[in-house]
Amino acid sequence: MIDLAALQARVCEAIPITRGLSFELLDFDGDRLRVSAPLSANGNDKGTFFAGSQAMLLTLSGWALTTLLAEQAGYPSDVVAVESALSYCAPVCSDMVVTVSASEGQQARFAERLARKGRAPLAVDASGVDQAGVEGARFRASYLARYHSPDAGAGKRRETV
């Protein structure tokens, strides 16, 4: 079973700036991840959710989904963001919830390629909404997962070409 609290603690330990987001990995259903963050920790001088915090929360959400899908497939991986596009749709005037997902086809190709080659790209889509359900941000990104085999430390290296 995937432990969201452990992943959240791992993120906060490895990436200190994420602690200021006060984010929470809410739930993961095997396909979609939901992540929240409060306005109180991410507000700007206009009383709305700071755009930089939205960008960080969306990027983190995509990274976390890619990490979870790799673990779910049985290939714990190092994940990096490769490319992203973000649109701000409306001011977010309350706490924000991000829902991030990848299509079933993307997920299947991701798992298959990760198993076969030891690395795989994943395209994700995310949306950040306020408590009234108004979409504040839309995000599309690509991540790359590279499987870190337990055998790697024993002198064996998995070919990833």
C-alpha atoms as a PDB file:
ATOM      1  CA  MET A   1       0.000   0.000   0.000  1.00  0.00           C
ATOM      2  CA  ILE A   2       1.192   3.493  -0.815  1.00  0.00           C
ATOM      3  CA  ASP A   3       1.705   5.723   2.221  1.00  0.00           C
ATOM      4  CA  LEU A   4       0.846   9.331   1.332  1.00  0.00           C
ATOM      5  CA  ALA A   5       1.995  10.634   4.722  1.00  0.00           C
ATOM      6  CA  ALA A   6       5.431   9.059   4.194  1.00  0.00           C
ATOM      7  CA  LEU A   7       5.694  10.572   0.713  1.00  0.00           C
ATOM      8  CA  GLN A   8       4.676  13.979   2.063  1.00  0.00           C
ATOM      9  CA  ALA A   9       7.301  13.754   4.817  1.00  0.00           C
ATOM     10  CA  ARG A  10       9.909  12.691   2.242  1.00  0.00           C
ATOM     11  CA  VAL A  11       9.098  15.714   0.075  1.00  0.00           C
ATOM     12  CA  CYS A  12       9.281  18.142   2.992  1.00  0.00           C
ATOM     13  CA  GLU A  13      12.603  16.670   4.110  1.00  0.00           C
ATOM     14  CA  ALA A  14      14.191  16.717   0.657  1.00  0.00           C
ATOM     15  CA  ILE A  15      12.779  20.044  -0.600  1.00  0.00           C
ATOM     16  CA  PRO A  16      12.694  22.556   2.284  1.00  0.00           C
ATOM     17  CA  ILE A  17      10.758  25.225   0.342  1.00  0.00           C
ATOM     18  CA  THR A  18       7.736  22.900   0.165  1.00  0.00           C
ATOM     19  CA  ARG A  19       7.304  23.156   3.958  1.00  0.00           C
ATOM     20  CA  GLY A  20       6.033  26.718   3.546  1.00  0.00           C
ATOM     21  CA  LEU A  21       3.194  25.528   1.286  1.00  0.00           C
ATOM     22  CA  SER A  22       1.632  23.629   4.197  1.00  0.00           C
ATOM     23  CA  PHE A  23       0.388  21.184   1.547  1.00  0.00           C
ATOM     24  CA  GLU A  24      -1.326  17.881   2.214  1.00  0.00           C
ATOM     25  CA  LEU A  25      -1.510  14.836  -0.036  1.00  0.00           C
ATOM     26  CA  LEU A  26      -5.223  14.153   0.417  1.00  0.00           C
ATOM     27  CA  ASP A  27      -5.906  10.943  -1.480  1.00  0.00           C
ATOM     28  CA  PHE A  28      -4.723   8.737  -4.310  1.00  0.00           C
ATOM     29  CA  ASP A  29      -7.157   6.337  -5.967  1.00  0.00           C
ATOM     30  CA  GLY A  30      -4.589   4.581  -8.169  1.00  0.00           C
ATOM     31  CA  ASP A  31      -5.242   6.966 -11.069  1.00  0.00           C
ATOM     32  CA  ARG A  32      -5.686  10.448  -9.626  1.00  0.00           C
ATOM     33  CA  LEU A  33      -4.038  12.357  -6.807  1.00  0.00           C
ATOM     34  CA  ARG A  34      -5.587  15.229  -4.860  1.00  0.00           C
ATOM     35  CA  VAL A  35      -3.414  17.724  -3.012  1.00  0.00           C
ATOM     36  CA  SER A  36      -4.474  20.716  -0.930  1.00  0.00           C
ATOM     37  CA  ALA A  37      -2.870  23.835   0.470  1.00  0.00           C
ATOM     38  CA  PRO A  38      -4.328  26.626   2.603  1.00  0.00           C
ATOM     39  CA  LEU A  39      -4.678  30.230   1.504  1.00  0.00           C
ATOM     40  CA  SER A  40      -3.383  31.332   4.914  1.00  0.00           C
ATOM     41  CA  ALA A  41       0.123  29.994   4.143  1.00  0.00           C
ATOM     42  CA  ASN A  42       0.090  30.962   0.456  1.00  0.00           C
ATOM     43  CA  GLY A  43      -1.647  34.327   0.251  1.00  0.00           C
ATOM     44  CA  ASN A  44      -0.383  37.429  -1.481  1.00  0.00           C
ATOM     45  CA  ASP A  45      -0.892  41.166  -0.923  1.00  0.00           C
ATOM     46  CA  LYS A  46      -4.279  40.992  -2.714  1.00  0.00           C
ATOM     47  CA  GLY A  47      -5.704  38.356  -0.368  1.00  0.00           C
ATOM     48  CA  THR A  48      -5.601  35.666  -3.058  1.00  0.00           C
ATOM     49  CA  PHE A  49      -3.478  32.561  -3.539  1.00  0.00           C
ATOM     50  CA  PHE A  50       0.024  33.612  -4.655  1.00  0.00           C
ATOM     51  CA  ALA A  51       0.759  32.559  -8.259  1.00  0.00           C
ATOM     52  CA  GLY A  52       4.199  31.260  -7.281  1.00  0.00           C
ATOM     53  CA  SER A  53       2.651  29.005  -4.640  1.00  0.00           C
ATOM     54  CA  GLN A  54       0.152  27.727  -7.208  1.00  0.00           C
ATOM     55  CA  ALA A  55       2.983  26.922  -9.617  1.00  0.00           C
ATOM     56  CA  MET A  56       4.921  25.103  -6.908  1.00  0.00           C
ATOM     57  CA  LEU A  57       1.847  23.187  -5.716  1.00  0.00           C
ATOM     58  CA  LEU A  58       0.930  22.106  -9.253  1.00  0.00           C
ATOM     59  CA  THR A  59       4.517  21.084 -10.071  1.00  0.00           C
ATOM     60  CA  LEU A  60       4.771  19.150  -6.805  1.00  0.00           C
ATOM     61  CA  SER A  61       1.427  17.447  -7.490  1.00  0.00           C
ATOM     62  CA  GLY A  62       2.601  16.197 -10.895  1.00  0.00           C
ATOM     63  CA  TRP A  63       5.873  15.000  -9.407  1.00  0.00           C
ATOM     64  CA  ALA A  64       4.020  13.179  -6.621  1.00  0.00           C
ATOM     65  CA  LEU A  65       1.610  11.489  -9.046  1.00  0.00           C
ATOM     66  CA  THR A  66       4.486  10.308 -11.235  1.00  0.00           C
ATOM     67  CA  THR A  67       6.288   8.991  -8.144  1.00  0.00           C
ATOM     68  CA  LEU A  68       3.154   7.177  -6.944  1.00  0.00           C
ATOM     69  CA  LEU A  69       2.433   5.610 -10.336  1.00  0.00           C
ATOM     70  CA  ALA A  70       6.033   4.357 -10.570  1.00  0.00           C
ATOM     71  CA  GLU A  71       5.779   2.855  -7.083  1.00  0.00           C
ATOM     72  CA  GLN A  72       2.374   1.357  -7.891  1.00  0.00           C
ATOM     73  CA  ALA A  73       3.912  -0.326 -10.956  1.00  0.00           C
ATOM     74  CA  GLY A  74       6.643  -1.800  -8.727  1.00  0.00           C
ATOM     75  CA  TYR A  75       9.449   0.476  -9.930  1.00  0.00           C
ATOM     76  CA  PRO A  76      10.317   3.109  -7.308  1.00  0.00           C
ATOM     77  CA  SER A  77      11.945   5.874  -9.310  1.00  0.00           C
ATOM     78  CA  ASP A  78      13.739   9.165  -9.229  1.00  0.00           C
ATOM     79  CA  VAL A  79      11.392  11.668 -10.876  1.00  0.00           C
ATOM     80  CA  VAL A  80      12.210  14.996 -12.488  1.00  0.00           C
ATOM     81  CA  ALA A  81      10.040  17.609 -14.155  1.00  0.00           C
ATOM     82  CA  VAL A  82      10.905  18.021 -17.836  1.00  0.00           C
ATOM     83  CA  GLU A  83       8.431  20.539 -19.237  1.00  0.00           C
ATOM     84  CA  SER A  84       5.335  22.396 -18.050  1.00  0.00           C
ATOM     85  CA  ALA A  85       2.696  24.906 -19.076  1.00  0.00           C
ATOM     86  CA  LEU A  86       0.533  26.784 -16.586  1.00  0.00           C
ATOM     87  CA  SER A  87      -2.472  29.004 -17.136  1.00  0.00           C
ATOM     88  CA  TYR A  88      -4.017  31.140 -14.411  1.00  0.00           C
ATOM     89  CA  CYS A  89      -7.774  31.138 -15.021  1.00  0.00           C
ATOM     90  CA  ALA A  90      -9.191  33.090 -12.079  1.00  0.00           C
ATOM     91  CA  PRO A  91      -8.095  34.398  -8.678  1.00  0.00           C
ATOM     92  CA  VAL A  92      -8.143  31.758  -5.948  1.00  0.00           C
ATOM     93  CA  CYS A  93      -9.671  33.354  -2.867  1.00  0.00           C
ATOM     94  CA  SER A  94      -9.676  30.340  -0.529  1.00  0.00           C
ATOM     95  CA  ASP A  95      -7.779  27.129   0.128  1.00  0.00           C
ATOM     96  CA  MET A  96      -6.834  25.336  -3.076  1.00  0.00           C
ATOM     97  CA  VAL A  97      -7.262  21.688  -4.066  1.00  0.00           C
ATOM     98  CA  VAL A  98      -5.302  20.297  -6.998  1.00  0.00           C
ATOM     99  CA  THR A  99      -6.413  17.188  -8.870  1.00  0.00           C
ATOM    100  CA  VAL A 100      -3.743  15.664 -11.087  1.00  0.00           C
ATOM    101  CA  SER A 101      -4.029  12.691 -13.412  1.00  0.00           C
ATOM    102  CA  ALA A 102      -2.659  10.992 -16.512  1.00  0.00           C
ATOM    103  CA  SER A 103      -4.796   9.204 -19.077  1.00  0.00           C
ATOM    104  CA  GLU A 104      -5.156   5.423 -18.801  1.00  0.00           C
ATOM    105  CA  GLY A 105      -3.179   5.033 -22.009  1.00  0.00           C
ATOM    106  CA  GLN A 106      -0.395   7.252 -20.689  1.00  0.00           C
ATOM    107  CA  GLN A 107      -0.275   5.281 -17.452  1.00  0.00           C
ATOM    108  CA  ALA A 108      -0.115   1.925 -19.250  1.00  0.00           C
ATOM    109  CA  ARG A 109       2.690   3.096 -21.565  1.00  0.00           C
ATOM    110  CA  PHE A 110       4.507   4.626 -18.585  1.00  0.00           C
ATOM    111  CA  ALA A 111       4.429   1.393 -16.557  1.00  0.00           C
ATOM    112  CA  GLU A 112       5.373  -0.766 -19.552  1.00  0.00           C
ATOM    113  CA  ARG A 113       8.289   1.427 -20.558  1.00  0.00           C
ATOM    114  CA  LEU A 114       9.518   1.774 -16.983  1.00  0.00           C
ATOM    115  CA  ALA A 115       9.546  -2.029 -16.703  1.00  0.00           C
ATOM    116  CA  ARG A 116      11.224  -2.523 -20.080  1.00  0.00           C
ATOM    117  CA  LYS A 117      13.714   0.353 -20.233  1.00  0.00           C
ATOM    118  CA  GLY A 118      14.102   1.498 -16.632  1.00  0.00           C
ATOM    119  CA  ARG A 119      12.949   5.023 -17.468  1.00  0.00           C
ATOM    120  CA  ALA A 120       9.756   6.507 -18.799  1.00  0.00           C
ATOM    121  CA  PRO A 121       8.103   9.847 -19.490  1.00  0.00           C
ATOM    122  CA  LEU A 122       4.648  10.699 -18.193  1.00  0.00           C
ATOM    123  CA  ALA A 123       2.384  13.555 -19.270  1.00  0.00           C
ATOM    124  CA  VAL A 124       0.008  14.818 -16.595  1.00  0.00           C
ATOM    125  CA  ASP A 125      -2.858  17.282 -16.435  1.00  0.00           C
ATOM    126  CA  ALA A 126      -3.855  19.147 -13.299  1.00  0.00           C
ATOM    127  CA  SER A 127      -6.415  21.657 -12.198  1.00  0.00           C
ATOM    128  CA  GLY A 128      -6.389  23.807  -9.079  1.00  0.00           C
ATOM    129  CA  VAL A 129      -9.784  24.867  -7.724  1.00  0.00           C
ATOM    130  CA  ASP A 130     -10.936  26.981  -4.808  1.00  0.00           C
ATOM    131  CA  GLN A 131     -13.512  25.960  -2.201  1.00  0.00           C
ATOM    132  CA  ALA A 132     -16.344  27.202  -4.441  1.00  0.00           C
ATOM    133  CA  GLY A 133     -15.149  24.897  -7.256  1.00  0.00           C
ATOM    134  CA  VAL A 134     -13.841  27.751  -9.417  1.00  0.00           C
ATOM    135  CA  GLU A 135     -10.816  26.696 -11.474  1.00  0.00           C
ATOM    136  CA  GLY A 136      -7.937  28.995 -10.638  1.00  0.00           C
ATOM    137  CA  ALA A 137      -5.164  27.259 -12.551  1.00  0.00           C
ATOM    138  CA  ARG A 138      -4.724  24.691 -15.298  1.00  0.00           C
ATOM    139  CA  PHE A 139      -1.450  22.795 -15.639  1.00  0.00           C
ATOM    140  CA  ARG A 140       0.047  20.356 -18.120  1.00  0.00           C
ATOM    141  CA  ALA A 141       3.494  18.867 -17.616  1.00  0.00           C
ATOM    142  CA  SER A 142       5.868  16.067 -18.535  1.00  0.00           C
ATOM    143  CA  TYR A 143       7.949  14.192 -15.997  1.00  0.00           C
ATOM    144  CA  LEU A 144      10.656  11.573 -16.386  1.00  0.00           C
ATOM    145  CA  ALA A 145      10.941   8.624 -14.007  1.00  0.00           C
ATOM    146  CA  ARG A 146      14.134   6.590 -13.749  1.00  0.00           C
ATOM    147  CA  TYR A 147      13.927   3.337 -11.856  1.00  0.00           C
ATOM    148  CA  HIS A 148      16.518   2.962  -9.136  1.00  0.00           C
ATOM    149  CA  SER A 149      17.036  -0.751  -8.922  1.00  0.00           C
ATOM    150  CA  PRO A 150      17.970  -2.214  -5.530  1.00  0.00           C
ATOM    151  CA  ASP A 151      20.678  -4.122  -7.448  1.00  0.00           C
ATOM    152  CA  ALA A 152      22.370  -0.873  -8.517  1.00  0.00           C
ATOM    153  CA  GLY A 153      24.320  -0.674  -5.267  1.00  0.00           C
ATOM    154  CA  ALA A 154      25.638  -4.210  -5.736  1.00  0.00           C
ATOM    155  CA  GLY A 155      27.601  -3.282  -8.835  1.00  0.00           C
ATOM    156  CA  LYS A 156      24.818  -4.137 -11.274  1.00  0.00           C
ATOM    157  CA  ARG A 157      23.519  -1.395 -13.487  1.00  0.00           C
ATOM    158  CA  ARG A 158      20.259  -1.476 -15.421  1.00  0.00           C
ATOM    159  CA  GLU A 159      20.527  -0.384 -19.030  1.00  0.00           C
ATOM    160  CA  THR A 160      18.237   2.616 -19.582  1.00  0.00           C
ATOM    161  CA  VAL A 161      18.757   3.383 -23.253  1.00  0.00           C
END
